[in-house]
């Protein structure tokens, strides 16, 4: 049960956001409804998401694995549900979509991932800890494999997912049924 009303004020901004969300995702996103109670926060949130969508230094599959690892670590069911749908709708290769299902238990399924993917998953979890446990060695291994621009993007994406997941968990948001519409089952 959401800890905040999902009926924000009926402002032009919120009506436009709901229209865009229905057109893009098929339904109005609960995080948008929750954040819609504060117009300045909503505008900043939208700008941040639109800006992040344009980042392109990091492989989209690696980026999505990192996002899902952070969401899984925080145990954000809304983020995991939406992330499964996004993996299916982003046009990621079938093997990457399959890997997404293994992210919550990636340590038990290491043979399903490449060495670089394992580094990315470890980094996303390390960054997500309440006291981050990123080591010099892990950062150097990723910087060496990805390059500095992609490493910065990876770090920013994990931080952004921490922001999303922690906010959604604090609001009490849960699965909205996105994964029901794709080939990947949600893990709640």
C-alpha atoms as a PDB file:
ATOM      1  CA  UNK A   1       0.000   0.000   0.000  1.00  0.00           C
ATOM      2  CA  UNK A   2       1.415   3.355  -1.041  1.00  0.00           C
ATOM      3  CA  UNK A   3       2.372   5.670   1.809  1.00  0.00           C
ATOM      4  CA  UNK A   4       1.437   8.710  -0.270  1.00  0.00           C
ATOM      5  CA  UNK A   5      -1.691   9.463  -2.241  1.00  0.00           C
ATOM      6  CA  UNK A   6      -1.445   8.518  -5.902  1.00  0.00           C
ATOM      7  CA  UNK A   7      -3.906  11.282  -6.756  1.00  0.00           C
ATOM      8  CA  UNK A   8      -1.768  14.423  -7.045  1.00  0.00           C
ATOM      9  CA  UNK A   9      -3.277  17.856  -7.692  1.00  0.00           C
ATOM     10  CA  UNK A  10      -5.022  18.114 -11.072  1.00  0.00           C
ATOM     11  CA  UNK A  11      -2.529  20.609 -12.509  1.00  0.00           C
ATOM     12  CA  UNK A  12      -1.590  21.075 -16.151  1.00  0.00           C
ATOM     13  CA  UNK A  13       1.851  19.572 -15.424  1.00  0.00           C
ATOM     14  CA  UNK A  14       0.345  16.445 -13.864  1.00  0.00           C
ATOM     15  CA  UNK A  15      -2.205  16.073 -16.676  1.00  0.00           C
ATOM     16  CA  UNK A  16       0.578  16.354 -19.270  1.00  0.00           C
ATOM     17  CA  UNK A  17       2.684  13.848 -17.326  1.00  0.00           C
ATOM     18  CA  UNK A  18      -0.214  11.389 -17.158  1.00  0.00           C
ATOM     19  CA  UNK A  19      -0.881  11.775 -20.896  1.00  0.00           C
ATOM     20  CA  UNK A  20       2.787  11.204 -21.746  1.00  0.00           C
ATOM     21  CA  UNK A  21       3.017   8.219 -19.398  1.00  0.00           C
ATOM     22  CA  UNK A  22      -0.092   6.529 -20.849  1.00  0.00           C
ATOM     23  CA  UNK A  23       1.162   7.126 -24.395  1.00  0.00           C
ATOM     24  CA  UNK A  24       4.669   5.837 -23.650  1.00  0.00           C
ATOM     25  CA  UNK A  25       4.084   3.063 -21.107  1.00  0.00           C
ATOM     26  CA  UNK A  26       0.408   2.190 -21.492  1.00  0.00           C
ATOM     27  CA  UNK A  27      -0.446   3.426 -17.998  1.00  0.00           C
ATOM     28  CA  UNK A  28       0.371   6.250 -15.636  1.00  0.00           C
ATOM     29  CA  UNK A  29       3.500   5.441 -13.626  1.00  0.00           C
ATOM     30  CA  UNK A  30       2.957   5.392  -9.865  1.00  0.00           C
ATOM     31  CA  UNK A  31       6.276   7.184  -9.147  1.00  0.00           C
ATOM     32  CA  UNK A  32       5.094  10.073 -11.331  1.00  0.00           C
ATOM     33  CA  UNK A  33       1.820  10.243  -9.431  1.00  0.00           C
ATOM     34  CA  UNK A  34       3.642  10.246  -6.097  1.00  0.00           C
ATOM     35  CA  UNK A  35       6.162  12.889  -7.126  1.00  0.00           C
ATOM     36  CA  UNK A  36       3.362  14.906  -8.759  1.00  0.00           C
ATOM     37  CA  UNK A  37       2.523  16.344  -5.349  1.00  0.00           C
ATOM     38  CA  UNK A  38       5.518  18.676  -5.736  1.00  0.00           C
ATOM     39  CA  UNK A  39       5.810  20.361  -9.139  1.00  0.00           C
ATOM     40  CA  UNK A  40       9.454  21.380  -8.732  1.00  0.00           C
ATOM     41  CA  UNK A  41      10.526  17.892  -7.726  1.00  0.00           C
ATOM     42  CA  UNK A  42       8.515  16.422 -10.621  1.00  0.00           C
ATOM     43  CA  UNK A  43      10.118  18.768 -13.160  1.00  0.00           C
ATOM     44  CA  UNK A  44      13.602  17.972 -11.856  1.00  0.00           C
ATOM     45  CA  UNK A  45      12.814  14.239 -11.888  1.00  0.00           C
ATOM     46  CA  UNK A  46      11.589  14.399 -15.513  1.00  0.00           C
ATOM     47  CA  UNK A  47      14.591  16.455 -16.656  1.00  0.00           C
ATOM     48  CA  UNK A  48      16.948  14.036 -14.952  1.00  0.00           C
ATOM     49  CA  UNK A  49      15.296  10.990 -16.539  1.00  0.00           C
ATOM     50  CA  UNK A  50      15.205  12.565 -20.003  1.00  0.00           C
ATOM     51  CA  UNK A  51      18.854  13.562 -19.709  1.00  0.00           C
ATOM     52  CA  UNK A  52      19.943  10.123 -18.520  1.00  0.00           C
ATOM     53  CA  UNK A  53      18.087   8.503 -21.425  1.00  0.00           C
ATOM     54  CA  UNK A  54      20.505  10.287 -23.799  1.00  0.00           C
ATOM     55  CA  UNK A  55      23.668   8.923 -22.200  1.00  0.00           C
ATOM     56  CA  UNK A  56      25.348   6.524 -24.607  1.00  0.00           C
ATOM     57  CA  UNK A  57      28.896   5.749 -23.488  1.00  0.00           C
ATOM     58  CA  UNK A  58      27.954   2.509 -21.736  1.00  0.00           C
ATOM     59  CA  UNK A  59      26.592  -0.597 -23.456  1.00  0.00           C
ATOM     60  CA  UNK A  60      22.782  -0.646 -22.926  1.00  0.00           C
ATOM     61  CA  UNK A  61      22.849  -4.243 -21.678  1.00  0.00           C
ATOM     62  CA  UNK A  62      25.496  -3.490 -19.058  1.00  0.00           C
ATOM     63  CA  UNK A  63      23.606  -0.356 -18.060  1.00  0.00           C
ATOM     64  CA  UNK A  64      20.407  -2.327 -17.582  1.00  0.00           C
ATOM     65  CA  UNK A  65      22.133  -5.042 -15.552  1.00  0.00           C
ATOM     66  CA  UNK A  66      23.559  -2.342 -13.262  1.00  0.00           C
ATOM     67  CA  UNK A  67      20.154  -0.701 -12.820  1.00  0.00           C
ATOM     68  CA  UNK A  68      18.514  -4.035 -12.047  1.00  0.00           C
ATOM     69  CA  UNK A  69      21.256  -4.995  -9.579  1.00  0.00           C
ATOM     70  CA  UNK A  70      20.760  -1.754  -7.647  1.00  0.00           C
ATOM     71  CA  UNK A  71      16.964  -2.173  -7.681  1.00  0.00           C
ATOM     72  CA  UNK A  72      17.276  -5.783  -6.532  1.00  0.00           C
ATOM     73  CA  UNK A  73      19.687  -4.850  -3.729  1.00  0.00           C
ATOM     74  CA  UNK A  74      17.264  -2.210  -2.462  1.00  0.00           C
ATOM     75  CA  UNK A  75      14.404  -4.679  -3.020  1.00  0.00           C
ATOM     76  CA  UNK A  76      12.244  -2.214  -4.939  1.00  0.00           C
ATOM     77  CA  UNK A  77       9.477  -4.354  -6.412  1.00  0.00           C
ATOM     78  CA  UNK A  78       8.194  -1.455  -8.532  1.00  0.00           C
ATOM     79  CA  UNK A  79      11.660  -0.958 -10.050  1.00  0.00           C
ATOM     80  CA  UNK A  80      12.152  -4.674 -10.661  1.00  0.00           C
ATOM     81  CA  UNK A  81       8.736  -4.957 -12.311  1.00  0.00           C
ATOM     82  CA  UNK A  82       9.333  -1.944 -14.555  1.00  0.00           C
ATOM     83  CA  UNK A  83      12.914  -3.067 -15.221  1.00  0.00           C
ATOM     84  CA  UNK A  84      11.733  -6.428 -16.548  1.00  0.00           C
ATOM     85  CA  UNK A  85       9.341  -4.651 -18.878  1.00  0.00           C
ATOM     86  CA  UNK A  86      12.067  -2.215 -19.934  1.00  0.00           C
ATOM     87  CA  UNK A  87      14.474  -5.069 -20.725  1.00  0.00           C
ATOM     88  CA  UNK A  88      11.837  -6.563 -22.979  1.00  0.00           C
ATOM     89  CA  UNK A  89      10.914  -3.247 -24.610  1.00  0.00           C
ATOM     90  CA  UNK A  90      14.445  -1.823 -25.029  1.00  0.00           C
ATOM     91  CA  UNK A  91      15.197  -4.298 -27.759  1.00  0.00           C
ATOM     92  CA  UNK A  92      17.988  -5.948 -25.793  1.00  0.00           C
ATOM     93  CA  UNK A  93      19.149  -9.290 -27.209  1.00  0.00           C
ATOM     94  CA  UNK A  94      17.217 -12.318 -25.940  1.00  0.00           C
ATOM     95  CA  UNK A  95      20.214 -13.597 -23.959  1.00  0.00           C
ATOM     96  CA  UNK A  96      20.445 -10.254 -22.113  1.00  0.00           C
ATOM     97  CA  UNK A  97      16.715 -10.283 -21.338  1.00  0.00           C
ATOM     98  CA  UNK A  98      17.205 -13.781 -19.911  1.00  0.00           C
ATOM     99  CA  UNK A  99      20.132 -12.559 -17.802  1.00  0.00           C
ATOM    100  CA  UNK A 100      17.901  -9.874 -16.286  1.00  0.00           C
ATOM    101  CA  UNK A 101      15.820 -12.613 -14.652  1.00  0.00           C
ATOM    102  CA  UNK A 102      18.956 -13.900 -12.915  1.00  0.00           C
ATOM    103  CA  UNK A 103      20.087 -10.534 -11.499  1.00  0.00           C
ATOM    104  CA  UNK A 104      18.493 -10.897  -8.028  1.00  0.00           C
ATOM    105  CA  UNK A 105      20.518 -14.101  -7.507  1.00  0.00           C
ATOM    106  CA  UNK A 106      23.451 -13.299  -9.755  1.00  0.00           C
ATOM    107  CA  UNK A 107      26.004 -14.571  -7.235  1.00  0.00           C
ATOM    108  CA  UNK A 108      24.381 -18.020  -7.430  1.00  0.00           C
ATOM    109  CA  UNK A 109      24.236 -17.864 -11.249  1.00  0.00           C
ATOM    110  CA  UNK A 110      27.677 -16.492 -12.104  1.00  0.00           C
ATOM    111  CA  UNK A 111      28.105 -18.884 -15.016  1.00  0.00           C
ATOM    112  CA  UNK A 112      25.265 -17.042 -16.815  1.00  0.00           C
ATOM    113  CA  UNK A 113      27.271 -13.799 -16.960  1.00  0.00           C
ATOM    114  CA  UNK A 114      30.486 -12.695 -18.617  1.00  0.00           C
ATOM    115  CA  UNK A 115      33.426 -11.515 -16.540  1.00  0.00           C
ATOM    116  CA  UNK A 116      32.620  -7.878 -17.381  1.00  0.00           C
ATOM    117  CA  UNK A 117      28.949  -8.332 -16.491  1.00  0.00           C
ATOM    118  CA  UNK A 118      29.964  -9.807 -13.138  1.00  0.00           C
ATOM    119  CA  UNK A 119      32.169  -6.780 -12.479  1.00  0.00           C
ATOM    120  CA  UNK A 120      29.276  -4.459 -13.333  1.00  0.00           C
ATOM    121  CA  UNK A 121      26.884  -6.360 -11.043  1.00  0.00           C
ATOM    122  CA  UNK A 122      29.422  -6.330  -8.209  1.00  0.00           C
ATOM    123  CA  UNK A 123      30.027  -2.607  -8.693  1.00  0.00           C
ATOM    124  CA  UNK A 124      26.298  -1.798  -8.704  1.00  0.00           C
ATOM    125  CA  UNK A 125      25.821  -3.713  -5.457  1.00  0.00           C
ATOM    126  CA  UNK A 126      28.930  -2.177  -3.901  1.00  0.00           C
ATOM    127  CA  UNK A 127      27.686   1.327  -4.707  1.00  0.00           C
ATOM    128  CA  UNK A 128      24.224   0.523  -3.372  1.00  0.00           C
ATOM    129  CA  UNK A 129      25.332  -0.560   0.094  1.00  0.00           C
ATOM    130  CA  UNK A 130      24.392   1.944   2.784  1.00  0.00           C
ATOM    131  CA  UNK A 131      28.082   2.533   3.216  1.00  0.00           C
ATOM    132  CA  UNK A 132      29.391   1.977  -0.317  1.00  0.00           C
ATOM    133  CA  UNK A 133      32.016  -0.760  -0.501  1.00  0.00           C
ATOM    134  CA  UNK A 134      33.540   0.148  -3.862  1.00  0.00           C
ATOM    135  CA  UNK A 135      37.219  -0.760  -3.840  1.00  0.00           C
ATOM    136  CA  UNK A 136      40.082   0.756  -5.788  1.00  0.00           C
ATOM    137  CA  UNK A 137      40.590  -2.617  -7.464  1.00  0.00           C
ATOM    138  CA  UNK A 138      36.959  -2.910  -8.625  1.00  0.00           C
ATOM    139  CA  UNK A 139      36.936   0.659  -9.960  1.00  0.00           C
ATOM    140  CA  UNK A 140      40.267   0.111 -11.740  1.00  0.00           C
ATOM    141  CA  UNK A 141      39.072  -3.160 -13.297  1.00  0.00           C
ATOM    142  CA  UNK A 142      35.948  -1.474 -14.661  1.00  0.00           C
ATOM    143  CA  UNK A 143      37.734   1.668 -15.815  1.00  0.00           C
ATOM    144  CA  UNK A 144      40.280  -0.512 -17.597  1.00  0.00           C
ATOM    145  CA  UNK A 145      37.572  -2.547 -19.344  1.00  0.00           C
ATOM    146  CA  UNK A 146      35.034   0.194 -20.050  1.00  0.00           C
ATOM    147  CA  UNK A 147      37.041   3.403 -20.310  1.00  0.00           C
ATOM    148  CA  UNK A 148      36.489   6.473 -18.185  1.00  0.00           C
ATOM    149  CA  UNK A 149      33.416   7.859 -19.995  1.00  0.00           C
ATOM    150  CA  UNK A 150      31.505   4.583 -19.684  1.00  0.00           C
ATOM    151  CA  UNK A 151      32.657   4.172 -16.067  1.00  0.00           C
ATOM    152  CA  UNK A 152      31.271   7.612 -15.218  1.00  0.00           C
ATOM    153  CA  UNK A 153      27.989   6.679 -16.916  1.00  0.00           C
ATOM    154  CA  UNK A 154      27.831   3.373 -15.045  1.00  0.00           C
ATOM    155  CA  UNK A 155      28.384   5.174 -11.748  1.00  0.00           C
ATOM    156  CA  UNK A 156      25.743   7.784 -12.570  1.00  0.00           C
ATOM    157  CA  UNK A 157      23.204   5.112 -13.605  1.00  0.00           C
ATOM    158  CA  UNK A 158      23.672   3.164 -10.378  1.00  0.00           C
ATOM    159  CA  UNK A 159      23.325   6.392  -8.380  1.00  0.00           C
ATOM    160  CA  UNK A 160      20.184   7.307 -10.346  1.00  0.00           C
ATOM    161  CA  UNK A 161      18.671   3.873  -9.698  1.00  0.00           C
ATOM    162  CA  UNK A 162      19.482   4.238  -6.004  1.00  0.00           C
ATOM    163  CA  UNK A 163      17.546   7.523  -6.074  1.00  0.00           C
ATOM    164  CA  UNK A 164      14.586   5.912  -7.872  1.00  0.00           C
ATOM    165  CA  UNK A 165      14.506   2.712  -5.826  1.00  0.00           C
ATOM    166  CA  UNK A 166      14.953   4.349  -2.456  1.00  0.00           C
ATOM    167  CA  UNK A 167      12.265   6.919  -3.219  1.00  0.00           C
ATOM    168  CA  UNK A 168       9.841   4.268  -4.496  1.00  0.00           C
ATOM    169  CA  UNK A 169      10.465   2.076  -1.432  1.00  0.00           C
ATOM    170  CA  UNK A 170       9.974   5.050   0.897  1.00  0.00           C
ATOM    171  CA  UNK A 171       6.688   5.881  -0.883  1.00  0.00           C
ATOM    172  CA  UNK A 172       5.630   2.222  -0.480  1.00  0.00           C
ATOM    173  CA  UNK A 173       5.206   1.687  -4.232  1.00  0.00           C
ATOM    174  CA  UNK A 174       4.974  -1.904  -5.425  1.00  0.00           C
ATOM    175  CA  UNK A 175       4.704  -3.735  -8.726  1.00  0.00           C
ATOM    176  CA  UNK A 176       2.388  -2.110 -11.230  1.00  0.00           C
ATOM    177  CA  UNK A 177       2.091  -5.174 -13.479  1.00  0.00           C
ATOM    178  CA  UNK A 178       4.532  -4.173 -16.218  1.00  0.00           C
ATOM    179  CA  UNK A 179       6.315  -7.514 -16.270  1.00  0.00           C
ATOM    180  CA  UNK A 180       2.974  -9.269 -16.872  1.00  0.00           C
ATOM    181  CA  UNK A 181       3.044  -7.838 -20.391  1.00  0.00           C
ATOM    182  CA  UNK A 182       6.452  -9.248 -21.330  1.00  0.00           C
ATOM    183  CA  UNK A 183       8.323 -12.497 -21.563  1.00  0.00           C
ATOM    184  CA  UNK A 184      10.199 -11.996 -18.281  1.00  0.00           C
ATOM    185  CA  UNK A 185       8.438 -12.768 -15.020  1.00  0.00           C
ATOM    186  CA  UNK A 186       8.709 -10.323 -12.131  1.00  0.00           C
ATOM    187  CA  UNK A 187      10.304 -11.405  -8.852  1.00  0.00           C
ATOM    188  CA  UNK A 188       8.361 -10.031  -5.901  1.00  0.00           C
END
